[in-house]
Amino acid sequence: AQPTASVVKLLIALDAIDRSGVPTDNEATAVRDMLAASDDRVASRLWQQQGGPAIVQRQAKKLGLTHTSPPADAGKWGSTQMSPTDVITVYRHITAWLPEEQREFVTAAFAHVLVPNG
């Protein structure tokens, strides 16, 4: 397992969807920004609101992530540990197992990922 950096934002988004369904209004914009623009401020806010390390524990249990663990320092979400296999499992869950409305919300954010100029 390695530090996830921004990959943990997928777990944060999935947890938000599990808790409240597909976000709407300002929350939808915030989650899209977190995923598409890798907005750390939104990630930090959601991390705190949703229970921090408990997000990782809930999603690891739900998705069967066997090599994923919360960060040692509860405030450093980017230090969440995940194996490459678990990262693949998260992407497979998003693309194959999420209900259509939820999948479309998450993948639409991916379609708008900001790529820096080379």
N, C-alpha and C. Protein backbone atom coordinates (compact mmCIF):
# COMPACT_ATOMS: atom_id res chain seq x y z
N ALA A 1 0.84 -1.19 0.00
CA ALA A 1 0.00 0.00 0.00
C ALA A 1 0.88 1.25 0.00
N GLN A 2 0.40 2.27 -0.68
CA GLN A 2 1.10 3.54 -0.81
C GLN A 2 0.15 4.68 -0.45
N PRO A 3 0.70 5.85 -0.11
CA PRO A 3 -0.19 7.01 0.12
C PRO A 3 -1.01 7.30 -1.14
N THR A 4 -2.26 7.60 -0.97
CA THR A 4 -3.16 7.79 -2.11
C THR A 4 -3.13 9.19 -2.70
N ALA A 5 -2.70 10.17 -1.92
CA ALA A 5 -2.82 11.57 -2.35
C ALA A 5 -4.27 11.81 -2.76
N SER A 6 -4.51 12.28 -3.97
CA SER A 6 -5.87 12.67 -4.36
C SER A 6 -6.79 11.50 -4.71
N VAL A 7 -6.27 10.29 -4.82
CA VAL A 7 -7.15 9.15 -5.12
C VAL A 7 -8.18 8.96 -4.01
N VAL A 8 -7.83 9.33 -2.78
CA VAL A 8 -8.79 9.19 -1.68
C VAL A 8 -10.03 10.06 -1.90
N LYS A 9 -9.93 11.05 -2.77
CA LYS A 9 -11.09 11.89 -3.07
C LYS A 9 -12.22 11.06 -3.67
N LEU A 10 -11.88 9.97 -4.33
CA LEU A 10 -12.91 9.07 -4.84
C LEU A 10 -13.69 8.44 -3.69
N LEU A 11 -12.98 8.03 -2.65
CA LEU A 11 -13.66 7.46 -1.48
C LEU A 11 -14.52 8.51 -0.79
N ILE A 12 -14.02 9.73 -0.73
CA ILE A 12 -14.80 10.82 -0.12
C ILE A 12 -16.08 11.05 -0.92
N ALA A 13 -15.98 11.08 -2.25
CA ALA A 13 -17.15 11.28 -3.10
C ALA A 13 -18.12 10.12 -2.97
N LEU A 14 -17.62 8.90 -3.00
CA LEU A 14 -18.49 7.73 -2.87
C LEU A 14 -19.20 7.73 -1.52
N ASP A 15 -18.49 8.12 -0.48
CA ASP A 15 -19.10 8.17 0.85
C ASP A 15 -20.19 9.24 0.90
N ALA A 16 -19.95 10.38 0.28
CA ALA A 16 -20.98 11.43 0.24
C ALA A 16 -22.23 10.93 -0.47
N ILE A 17 -22.03 10.21 -1.57
CA ILE A 17 -23.16 9.66 -2.32
C ILE A 17 -23.89 8.62 -1.49
N ASP A 18 -23.14 7.77 -0.79
CA ASP A 18 -23.78 6.76 0.06
C ASP A 18 -24.62 7.39 1.15
N ARG A 19 -24.15 8.50 1.67
CA ARG A 19 -24.82 9.14 2.81
C ARG A 19 -26.05 9.94 2.38
N SER A 20 -26.00 10.58 1.21
CA SER A 20 -27.07 11.51 0.84
C SER A 20 -27.60 11.35 -0.58
N GLY A 21 -27.10 10.39 -1.32
CA GLY A 21 -27.48 10.26 -2.72
C GLY A 21 -26.65 11.21 -3.57
N VAL A 22 -26.99 11.30 -4.83
CA VAL A 22 -26.26 12.18 -5.74
C VAL A 22 -26.41 13.61 -5.23
N PRO A 23 -25.28 14.29 -5.03
CA PRO A 23 -25.35 15.67 -4.51
C PRO A 23 -26.11 16.58 -5.47
N THR A 24 -26.69 17.63 -4.90
CA THR A 24 -27.39 18.63 -5.71
C THR A 24 -26.86 20.01 -5.34
N ASP A 25 -27.20 20.97 -6.18
CA ASP A 25 -26.91 22.38 -5.94
C ASP A 25 -25.43 22.62 -5.60
N ASN A 26 -25.19 23.36 -4.53
CA ASN A 26 -23.82 23.74 -4.16
C ASN A 26 -22.95 22.53 -3.83
N GLU A 27 -23.57 21.53 -3.22
CA GLU A 27 -22.79 20.33 -2.85
C GLU A 27 -22.36 19.57 -4.11
N ALA A 28 -23.21 19.54 -5.12
CA ALA A 28 -22.84 18.88 -6.38
C ALA A 28 -21.66 19.61 -7.02
N THR A 29 -21.72 20.93 -7.02
CA THR A 29 -20.62 21.72 -7.56
C THR A 29 -19.33 21.45 -6.79
N ALA A 30 -19.44 21.39 -5.47
CA ALA A 30 -18.27 21.16 -4.64
C ALA A 30 -17.66 19.79 -4.92
N VAL A 31 -18.47 18.75 -4.99
CA VAL A 31 -17.93 17.40 -5.24
C VAL A 31 -17.35 17.33 -6.64
N ARG A 32 -18.01 17.94 -7.62
CA ARG A 32 -17.44 17.97 -8.98
C ARG A 32 -16.09 18.67 -8.98
N ASP A 33 -16.00 19.81 -8.29
CA ASP A 33 -14.73 20.53 -8.22
C ASP A 33 -13.66 19.69 -7.53
N MET A 34 -14.04 18.97 -6.50
CA MET A 34 -13.08 18.13 -5.80
C MET A 34 -12.50 17.08 -6.75
N LEU A 35 -13.36 16.50 -7.58
CA LEU A 35 -12.90 15.46 -8.49
C LEU A 35 -12.24 16.02 -9.75
N ALA A 36 -12.87 17.00 -10.38
CA ALA A 36 -12.37 17.51 -11.67
C ALA A 36 -11.17 18.42 -11.52
N ALA A 37 -11.18 19.27 -10.50
CA ALA A 37 -10.09 20.24 -10.32
C ALA A 37 -9.17 19.84 -9.17
N SER A 38 -9.43 18.67 -8.59
CA SER A 38 -8.65 18.18 -7.45
C SER A 38 -8.61 19.22 -6.34
N ASP A 39 -9.78 19.76 -6.02
CA ASP A 39 -9.90 20.83 -5.03
C ASP A 39 -9.70 20.28 -3.61
N ASP A 40 -8.55 20.60 -3.03
CA ASP A 40 -8.20 20.11 -1.70
C ASP A 40 -9.06 20.75 -0.61
N ARG A 41 -9.50 21.99 -0.81
CA ARG A 41 -10.34 22.63 0.20
C ARG A 41 -11.66 21.89 0.36
N VAL A 42 -12.26 21.52 -0.75
CA VAL A 42 -13.52 20.76 -0.70
C VAL A 42 -13.26 19.40 -0.06
N ALA A 43 -12.19 18.74 -0.46
CA ALA A 43 -11.86 17.43 0.12
C ALA A 43 -11.70 17.54 1.63
N SER A 44 -11.01 18.56 2.09
CA SER A 44 -10.81 18.74 3.53
C SER A 44 -12.12 18.98 4.26
N ARG A 45 -13.00 19.79 3.66
CA ARG A 45 -14.30 20.08 4.28
C ARG A 45 -15.13 18.81 4.37
N LEU A 46 -15.23 18.06 3.27
CA LEU A 46 -16.02 16.83 3.28
C LEU A 46 -15.41 15.79 4.21
N TRP A 47 -14.08 15.73 4.22
CA TRP A 47 -13.37 14.80 5.11
C TRP A 47 -13.77 15.05 6.56
N GLN A 48 -13.79 16.30 6.94
CA GLN A 48 -14.16 16.65 8.31
C GLN A 48 -15.64 16.39 8.57
N GLN A 49 -16.50 16.80 7.65
CA GLN A 49 -17.94 16.65 7.84
C GLN A 49 -18.38 15.18 7.90
N GLN A 50 -17.72 14.33 7.14
CA GLN A 50 -18.15 12.93 7.01
C GLN A 50 -17.41 11.99 7.97
N GLY A 51 -16.56 12.53 8.82
CA GLY A 51 -15.95 11.69 9.84
C GLY A 51 -14.51 11.30 9.60
N GLY A 52 -13.85 11.93 8.63
CA GLY A 52 -12.43 11.69 8.41
C GLY A 52 -12.10 10.23 8.16
N PRO A 53 -11.27 9.63 9.01
CA PRO A 53 -10.83 8.25 8.80
C PRO A 53 -11.98 7.25 8.69
N ALA A 54 -13.14 7.57 9.29
CA ALA A 54 -14.30 6.68 9.19
C ALA A 54 -14.75 6.51 7.73
N ILE A 55 -14.51 7.53 6.91
CA ILE A 55 -14.83 7.43 5.48
C ILE A 55 -14.08 6.25 4.87
N VAL A 56 -12.79 6.21 5.13
CA VAL A 56 -11.94 5.15 4.57
C VAL A 56 -12.39 3.79 5.11
N GLN A 57 -12.68 3.71 6.38
CA GLN A 57 -13.12 2.45 6.97
C GLN A 57 -14.44 1.98 6.36
N ARG A 58 -15.39 2.90 6.20
CA ARG A 58 -16.69 2.53 5.62
C ARG A 58 -16.53 2.05 4.19
N GLN A 59 -15.78 2.82 3.39
CA GLN A 59 -15.64 2.46 1.98
C GLN A 59 -14.80 1.20 1.79
N ALA A 60 -13.78 1.02 2.61
CA ALA A 60 -12.96 -0.20 2.52
C ALA A 60 -13.83 -1.42 2.80
N LYS A 61 -14.67 -1.32 3.82
CA LYS A 61 -15.55 -2.44 4.17
C LYS A 61 -16.56 -2.69 3.05
N LYS A 62 -17.19 -1.63 2.57
CA LYS A 62 -18.22 -1.76 1.55
C LYS A 62 -17.67 -2.34 0.25
N LEU A 63 -16.48 -1.86 -0.16
CA LEU A 63 -15.92 -2.26 -1.45
C LEU A 63 -15.00 -3.47 -1.36
N GLY A 64 -14.74 -3.95 -0.14
CA GLY A 64 -13.85 -5.10 0.02
C GLY A 64 -12.39 -4.75 -0.23
N LEU A 65 -12.00 -3.54 0.14
CA LEU A 65 -10.62 -3.09 -0.05
C LEU A 65 -9.77 -3.66 1.08
N THR A 66 -8.94 -4.64 0.77
CA THR A 66 -8.20 -5.35 1.81
C THR A 66 -6.85 -4.73 2.15
N HIS A 67 -6.39 -3.82 1.31
CA HIS A 67 -5.10 -3.17 1.56
C HIS A 67 -5.26 -1.65 1.54
N THR A 68 -6.28 -1.19 2.24
CA THR A 68 -6.57 0.23 2.35
C THR A 68 -6.73 0.56 3.82
N SER A 69 -6.10 1.65 4.26
CA SER A 69 -6.21 2.05 5.66
C SER A 69 -6.19 3.57 5.78
N PRO A 70 -6.86 4.08 6.80
CA PRO A 70 -6.89 5.53 7.03
C PRO A 70 -5.49 6.05 7.35
N PRO A 71 -5.29 7.35 7.22
CA PRO A 71 -3.98 7.92 7.54
C PRO A 71 -3.69 7.83 9.05
N ALA A 72 -2.42 7.74 9.39
CA ALA A 72 -2.02 7.72 10.80
C ALA A 72 -2.41 9.03 11.48
N ASP A 73 -2.27 10.14 10.77
CA ASP A 73 -2.70 11.45 11.26
C ASP A 73 -4.08 11.71 10.66
N ALA A 74 -5.11 11.68 11.49
CA ALA A 74 -6.50 11.75 11.02
C ALA A 74 -6.80 12.95 10.14
N GLY A 75 -6.02 14.02 10.26
CA GLY A 75 -6.28 15.22 9.47
C GLY A 75 -5.64 15.21 8.09
N LYS A 76 -4.82 14.23 7.81
CA LYS A 76 -4.08 14.19 6.52
C LYS A 76 -4.67 13.12 5.60
N TRP A 77 -5.81 13.45 5.02
CA TRP A 77 -6.53 12.50 4.17
C TRP A 77 -5.68 11.96 3.03
N GLY A 78 -4.75 12.75 2.50
CA GLY A 78 -3.91 12.32 1.39
C GLY A 78 -2.92 11.24 1.77
N SER A 79 -2.78 10.98 3.06
CA SER A 79 -1.89 9.92 3.53
C SER A 79 -2.61 8.60 3.72
N THR A 80 -3.87 8.54 3.32
CA THR A 80 -4.59 7.26 3.30
C THR A 80 -3.77 6.28 2.47
N GLN A 81 -3.68 5.05 2.92
CA GLN A 81 -2.89 4.03 2.22
C GLN A 81 -3.81 3.13 1.40
N MET A 82 -3.41 2.87 0.13
CA MET A 82 -4.15 1.95 -0.73
C MET A 82 -3.16 1.19 -1.60
N SER A 83 -3.49 -0.06 -1.86
CA SER A 83 -2.70 -0.84 -2.80
C SER A 83 -3.19 -0.55 -4.22
N PRO A 84 -2.36 -0.83 -5.21
CA PRO A 84 -2.82 -0.65 -6.60
C PRO A 84 -4.07 -1.49 -6.90
N THR A 85 -4.14 -2.68 -6.35
CA THR A 85 -5.31 -3.54 -6.57
C THR A 85 -6.56 -2.89 -6.01
N ASP A 86 -6.45 -2.28 -4.84
CA ASP A 86 -7.61 -1.60 -4.25
C ASP A 86 -8.02 -0.39 -5.08
N VAL A 87 -7.07 0.33 -5.63
CA VAL A 87 -7.40 1.48 -6.50
C VAL A 87 -8.19 0.98 -7.71
N ILE A 88 -7.75 -0.12 -8.30
CA ILE A 88 -8.47 -0.70 -9.44
C ILE A 88 -9.88 -1.10 -9.02
N THR A 89 -10.02 -1.67 -7.83
CA THR A 89 -11.34 -2.06 -7.33
C THR A 89 -12.27 -0.86 -7.22
N VAL A 90 -11.74 0.28 -6.77
CA VAL A 90 -12.55 1.50 -6.66
C VAL A 90 -13.03 1.93 -8.05
N TYR A 91 -12.13 1.95 -9.01
CA TYR A 91 -12.53 2.35 -10.37
C TYR A 91 -13.52 1.36 -10.97
N ARG A 92 -13.32 0.08 -10.73
CA ARG A 92 -14.28 -0.92 -11.22
C ARG A 92 -15.65 -0.73 -10.58
N HIS A 93 -15.65 -0.42 -9.29
CA HIS A 93 -16.92 -0.16 -8.60
C HIS A 93 -17.65 1.01 -9.25
N ILE A 94 -16.91 2.08 -9.51
CA ILE A 94 -17.51 3.27 -10.11
C ILE A 94 -18.07 2.95 -11.49
N THR A 95 -17.30 2.25 -12.31
CA THR A 95 -17.71 2.04 -13.70
C THR A 95 -18.67 0.87 -13.90
N ALA A 96 -18.69 -0.08 -12.97
CA ALA A 96 -19.51 -1.28 -13.19
C ALA A 96 -20.61 -1.51 -12.17
N TRP A 97 -20.48 -0.98 -10.97
CA TRP A 97 -21.42 -1.35 -9.92
C TRP A 97 -22.27 -0.21 -9.39
N LEU A 98 -21.84 1.02 -9.57
CA LEU A 98 -22.66 2.14 -9.10
C LEU A 98 -23.95 2.20 -9.91
N PRO A 99 -25.07 2.54 -9.27
CA PRO A 99 -26.29 2.77 -10.04
C PRO A 99 -26.04 3.88 -11.08
N GLU A 100 -26.76 3.82 -12.16
CA GLU A 100 -26.52 4.69 -13.31
C GLU A 100 -26.41 6.18 -12.96
N GLU A 101 -27.35 6.69 -12.19
CA GLU A 101 -27.34 8.13 -11.87
C GLU A 101 -26.07 8.51 -11.09
N GLN A 102 -25.67 7.66 -10.16
CA GLN A 102 -24.46 7.92 -9.38
C GLN A 102 -23.21 7.80 -10.26
N ARG A 103 -23.18 6.77 -11.09
CA ARG A 103 -22.04 6.56 -12.00
C ARG A 103 -21.88 7.75 -12.95
N GLU A 104 -22.99 8.21 -13.49
CA GLU A 104 -22.93 9.34 -14.41
C GLU A 104 -22.43 10.60 -13.72
N PHE A 105 -22.84 10.82 -12.47
CA PHE A 105 -22.37 11.98 -11.73
C PHE A 105 -20.85 11.93 -11.56
N VAL A 106 -20.33 10.80 -11.11
CA VAL A 106 -18.90 10.68 -10.86
C VAL A 106 -18.10 10.73 -12.16
N THR A 107 -18.53 9.98 -13.16
CA THR A 107 -17.75 9.95 -14.41
C THR A 107 -17.84 11.27 -15.17
N ALA A 108 -18.93 12.01 -15.01
CA ALA A 108 -19.01 13.33 -15.64
C ALA A 108 -17.95 14.26 -15.06
N ALA A 109 -17.69 14.14 -13.77
CA ALA A 109 -16.63 14.95 -13.15
C ALA A 109 -15.27 14.56 -13.75
N PHE A 110 -15.06 13.27 -13.99
CA PHE A 110 -13.80 12.84 -14.61
C PHE A 110 -13.63 13.43 -16.00
N ALA A 111 -14.74 13.59 -16.70
CA ALA A 111 -14.68 14.10 -18.07
C ALA A 111 -14.19 15.56 -18.09
N HIS A 112 -14.25 16.23 -16.94
CA HIS A 112 -13.85 17.62 -16.87
C HIS A 112 -12.56 17.83 -16.07
N VAL A 113 -11.80 16.76 -15.90
CA VAL A 113 -10.53 16.87 -15.16
C VAL A 113 -9.65 17.90 -15.85
N LEU A 114 -9.11 18.78 -15.03
CA LEU A 114 -8.22 19.82 -15.55
C LEU A 114 -6.82 19.24 -15.71
N VAL A 115 -6.34 19.24 -16.92
CA VAL A 115 -5.00 18.73 -17.20
C VAL A 115 -4.09 19.92 -17.45
N PRO A 116 -3.00 20.01 -16.68
CA PRO A 116 -2.08 21.15 -16.88
C PRO A 116 -1.43 21.09 -18.27
N ASN A 117 -1.10 22.25 -18.78
CA ASN A 117 -0.42 22.29 -20.08
C ASN A 117 0.96 21.67 -19.95
N GLY A 118 1.32 20.84 -20.94
CA GLY A 118 2.56 20.08 -20.92
C GLY A 118 3.74 20.96 -21.00
